[in-house]
Amino acid sequence: MKKERFLAYNDAVLAIIVTIMVLSLPQPQEASWHAIWALHSRFFAYAVSFLEISVLWTIHHNAFHLVHHVNHTILWVNALWLFCVTLLPYATEFVGEHIWSPVAESFYGLVFSAFSASFLYLLWILVKHDCVKEEHKELIFDEVRISIDIMIKILGFALIPLFPPAILLSALIDNLIWLIPDKSAKYLKKMVN
């Protein structure tokens, strides 16, 4: 399969997911700032989830810019990742409606962790199956950030009994860490220029 077709499919699925998430946001009961504020937990959950998808899309884009071929295993691991991501609109609506519920927060955390884990597995497969040049492997699989990512998720789950929105906050912090430009972003910038 050509890499371009594979990437176009991913882009389409992620665009649909974001569209579903925004269409799931309820309208205010009345046209007032108070009614809009009453939906703040829904907007917060949406914003965190939108950021998650944006960060993953960016990392996916940067990684696959360095990939020289896509094999059957990558197609199926990517499908697993997309399956996990398609659960995000449901989890976002659930946690947005019940932001103080440990069950809703745990469910959101499980979905967030599942699509993060499947994505990290995809990156690992790219490196393990020699789909990138040797010098690009460390650009794709950043072990330091991955370790921080896992610790933040564990901390979010550990804090649920004390402060249920800790999962949403840990997701936000986790994504902000991935926004810091890394070696791959700098390398890709050099390639483009």
Protein backbone atom coordinates (compact mmCIF):
# COMPACT_ATOMS: atom_id res chain seq x y z
CA MET A 1 0.00 0.00 0.00
CA LYS A 2 1.21 3.49 -0.76
CA LYS A 3 2.00 5.54 2.31
CA GLU A 4 -0.06 8.48 1.02
CA ARG A 5 -3.26 6.41 0.88
CA PHE A 6 -2.62 5.12 4.39
CA LEU A 7 -2.12 8.67 5.71
CA ALA A 8 -5.20 9.98 3.90
CA TYR A 9 -7.31 7.30 5.59
CA ASN A 10 -5.94 8.26 9.01
CA ASP A 11 -6.59 11.94 8.36
CA ALA A 12 -10.18 11.20 7.34
CA VAL A 13 -10.91 9.07 10.41
CA LEU A 14 -9.43 11.66 12.79
CA ALA A 15 -11.39 14.47 11.10
CA ILE A 16 -14.62 12.50 11.53
CA ILE A 17 -13.83 11.85 15.20
CA VAL A 18 -13.27 15.55 15.89
CA THR A 19 -16.50 16.40 14.06
CA ILE A 20 -18.45 13.86 16.11
CA MET A 21 -16.99 15.29 19.32
CA VAL A 22 -17.98 18.87 18.54
CA LEU A 23 -21.47 17.82 17.41
CA SER A 24 -21.88 16.02 20.75
CA LEU A 25 -21.56 19.30 22.64
CA PRO A 26 -25.03 20.29 23.85
CA GLN A 27 -26.56 23.65 23.13
CA PRO A 28 -27.11 25.96 26.14
CA GLN A 29 -30.63 25.87 27.60
CA GLU A 30 -30.95 29.60 26.90
CA ALA A 31 -28.97 32.36 25.23
CA SER A 32 -27.07 33.57 28.27
CA TRP A 33 -23.50 33.49 29.57
CA HIS A 34 -24.76 31.66 32.65
CA ALA A 35 -26.21 28.88 30.48
CA ILE A 36 -22.97 28.64 28.52
CA TRP A 37 -20.95 28.48 31.75
CA ALA A 38 -23.20 25.65 32.95
CA LEU A 39 -21.61 23.57 30.16
CA HIS A 40 -18.00 24.37 31.16
CA SER A 41 -17.14 20.77 32.09
CA ARG A 42 -18.34 19.61 28.65
CA PHE A 43 -16.22 22.26 26.90
CA PHE A 44 -13.21 21.39 29.05
CA ALA A 45 -13.51 17.66 28.24
CA TYR A 46 -13.89 18.52 24.54
CA ALA A 47 -10.85 20.83 24.59
CA VAL A 48 -8.67 18.19 26.27
CA SER A 49 -9.80 15.50 23.82
CA PHE A 50 -9.32 17.79 20.82
CA LEU A 51 -5.80 18.54 22.04
CA GLU A 52 -5.13 14.80 22.45
CA ILE A 53 -6.15 14.09 18.87
CA SER A 54 -4.17 17.06 17.58
CA VAL A 55 -1.02 16.00 19.43
CA LEU A 56 -1.33 12.41 18.23
CA TRP A 57 -2.03 13.51 14.67
CA THR A 58 1.08 15.71 14.73
CA ILE A 59 3.29 12.95 16.12
CA HIS A 60 1.79 10.49 13.62
CA HIS A 61 2.44 12.93 10.78
CA ASN A 62 6.04 13.56 11.86
CA ALA A 63 6.76 9.86 12.37
CA PHE A 64 5.29 8.76 9.04
CA HIS A 65 7.20 11.48 7.26
CA LEU A 66 10.29 9.44 8.15
CA VAL A 67 8.75 6.04 7.32
CA HIS A 68 9.88 4.55 4.02
CA HIS A 69 7.34 1.71 3.83
CA VAL A 70 4.11 0.53 5.42
CA ASN A 71 3.65 -3.20 5.92
CA HIS A 72 0.71 -5.42 6.89
CA THR A 73 1.55 -5.33 10.61
CA ILE A 74 1.61 -1.53 10.62
CA LEU A 75 -1.80 -1.44 8.93
CA TRP A 76 -3.35 -3.62 11.64
CA VAL A 77 -1.64 -1.92 14.58
CA ASN A 78 -2.73 1.42 13.14
CA ALA A 79 -6.29 0.03 12.85
CA LEU A 80 -6.13 -0.92 16.55
CA TRP A 81 -5.01 2.62 17.37
CA LEU A 82 -7.83 4.13 15.31
CA PHE A 83 -10.34 1.81 17.01
CA CYS A 84 -9.21 3.11 20.41
CA VAL A 85 -9.36 6.72 19.20
CA THR A 86 -12.94 6.24 17.92
CA LEU A 87 -13.98 5.58 21.53
CA LEU A 88 -12.82 9.08 22.51
CA PRO A 89 -16.02 10.97 21.53
CA TYR A 90 -18.08 8.61 23.67
CA ALA A 91 -15.69 8.86 26.62
CA THR A 92 -15.48 12.66 26.22
CA GLU A 93 -19.24 13.08 26.33
CA PHE A 94 -19.49 10.72 29.32
CA VAL A 95 -16.79 12.46 31.36
CA GLY A 96 -18.02 15.91 30.34
CA GLU A 97 -21.46 15.07 31.71
CA HIS A 98 -20.10 13.46 34.91
CA ILE A 99 -16.80 15.24 35.55
CA TRP A 100 -16.83 14.50 39.29
CA SER A 101 -17.64 10.81 38.87
CA PRO A 102 -14.74 8.43 39.59
CA VAL A 103 -16.33 5.90 37.20
CA ALA A 104 -16.60 8.40 34.32
CA GLU A 105 -13.08 9.66 34.94
CA SER A 106 -11.71 6.12 35.14
CA PHE A 107 -13.46 5.17 31.91
CA TYR A 108 -12.05 8.26 30.19
CA GLY A 109 -8.61 7.39 31.57
CA LEU A 110 -8.87 3.84 30.25
CA VAL A 111 -9.80 5.07 26.77
CA PHE A 112 -7.03 7.69 26.88
CA SER A 113 -4.53 5.06 28.05
CA ALA A 114 -5.70 2.52 25.45
CA PHE A 115 -5.23 4.82 22.49
CA SER A 116 -1.94 6.12 23.91
CA ALA A 117 -0.65 2.58 24.44
CA SER A 118 -1.76 1.45 20.97
CA PHE A 119 -0.09 4.53 19.48
CA LEU A 120 3.16 3.85 21.34
CA TYR A 121 2.95 0.26 20.14
CA LEU A 122 2.58 1.57 16.57
CA LEU A 123 5.69 3.72 16.98
CA TRP A 124 7.56 0.76 18.46
CA ILE A 125 6.50 -1.43 15.49
CA LEU A 126 7.82 1.22 13.07
CA VAL A 127 11.21 1.02 14.77
CA LYS A 128 11.20 -2.76 15.27
CA HIS A 129 10.20 -3.55 11.67
CA ASP A 130 12.91 -1.30 10.23
CA CYS A 131 10.40 0.97 8.53
CA VAL A 132 12.69 3.93 9.16
CA LYS A 133 16.39 4.51 8.73
CA GLU A 134 18.56 3.64 11.71
CA GLU A 135 19.37 7.31 12.40
CA HIS A 136 15.63 8.16 12.58
CA LYS A 137 14.64 5.51 15.11
CA GLU A 138 15.33 7.64 18.17
CA LEU A 139 13.39 10.50 16.56
CA ILE A 140 10.28 8.33 16.37
CA PHE A 141 10.47 6.49 19.69
CA ASP A 142 11.39 9.05 22.37
CA GLU A 143 11.87 6.89 25.47
CA VAL A 144 12.19 9.85 27.87
CA ARG A 145 8.86 11.38 26.85
CA ILE A 146 7.21 7.98 26.82
CA SER A 147 8.36 7.37 30.41
CA ILE A 148 7.03 10.77 31.51
CA ASP A 149 3.79 10.06 29.63
CA ILE A 150 3.27 6.78 31.51
CA MET A 151 4.08 8.35 34.91
CA ILE A 152 1.56 11.15 34.34
CA LYS A 153 -1.17 8.64 33.47
CA ILE A 154 -0.40 6.54 36.56
CA LEU A 155 -0.49 9.65 38.74
CA GLY A 156 -3.86 10.66 37.23
CA PHE A 157 -5.34 7.24 38.06
CA ALA A 158 -3.85 7.31 41.57
CA LEU A 159 -5.47 10.68 42.30
CA ILE A 160 -8.99 9.71 41.19
CA PRO A 161 -10.17 8.79 44.73
CA LEU A 162 -9.05 12.19 46.05
CA PHE A 163 -9.90 14.36 43.04
CA PRO A 164 -11.78 12.62 40.19
CA PRO A 165 -10.98 15.25 37.49
CA ALA A 166 -7.31 14.32 37.96
CA ILE A 167 -7.58 12.12 34.86
CA LEU A 168 -8.67 15.00 32.64
CA LEU A 169 -5.97 17.20 34.16
CA SER A 170 -3.34 14.50 33.70
CA ALA A 171 -4.44 14.13 30.05
CA LEU A 172 -4.06 17.87 29.60
CA ILE A 173 -0.60 17.95 31.22
CA ASP A 174 0.47 14.88 29.28
CA ASN A 175 -0.47 16.50 25.98
CA LEU A 176 1.23 19.77 26.86
CA ILE A 177 4.47 17.82 27.39
CA TRP A 178 4.17 16.36 23.89
CA LEU A 179 3.73 19.89 22.48
CA ILE A 180 7.29 20.83 23.44
CA PRO A 181 9.30 20.67 20.22
CA ASP A 182 11.60 17.67 20.15
CA LYS A 183 14.41 16.36 18.00
CA SER A 184 12.04 15.00 15.35
CA ALA A 185 10.29 18.35 14.89
CA LYS A 186 13.65 20.12 14.54
CA TYR A 187 14.88 17.45 12.12
CA LEU A 188 11.73 17.69 9.98
CA LYS A 189 12.00 21.47 9.91
CA LYS A 190 15.54 21.13 8.55
CA MET A 191 14.34 18.62 5.92
CA VAL A 192 11.62 20.99 4.70
CA ASN A 193 13.92 24.03 4.48
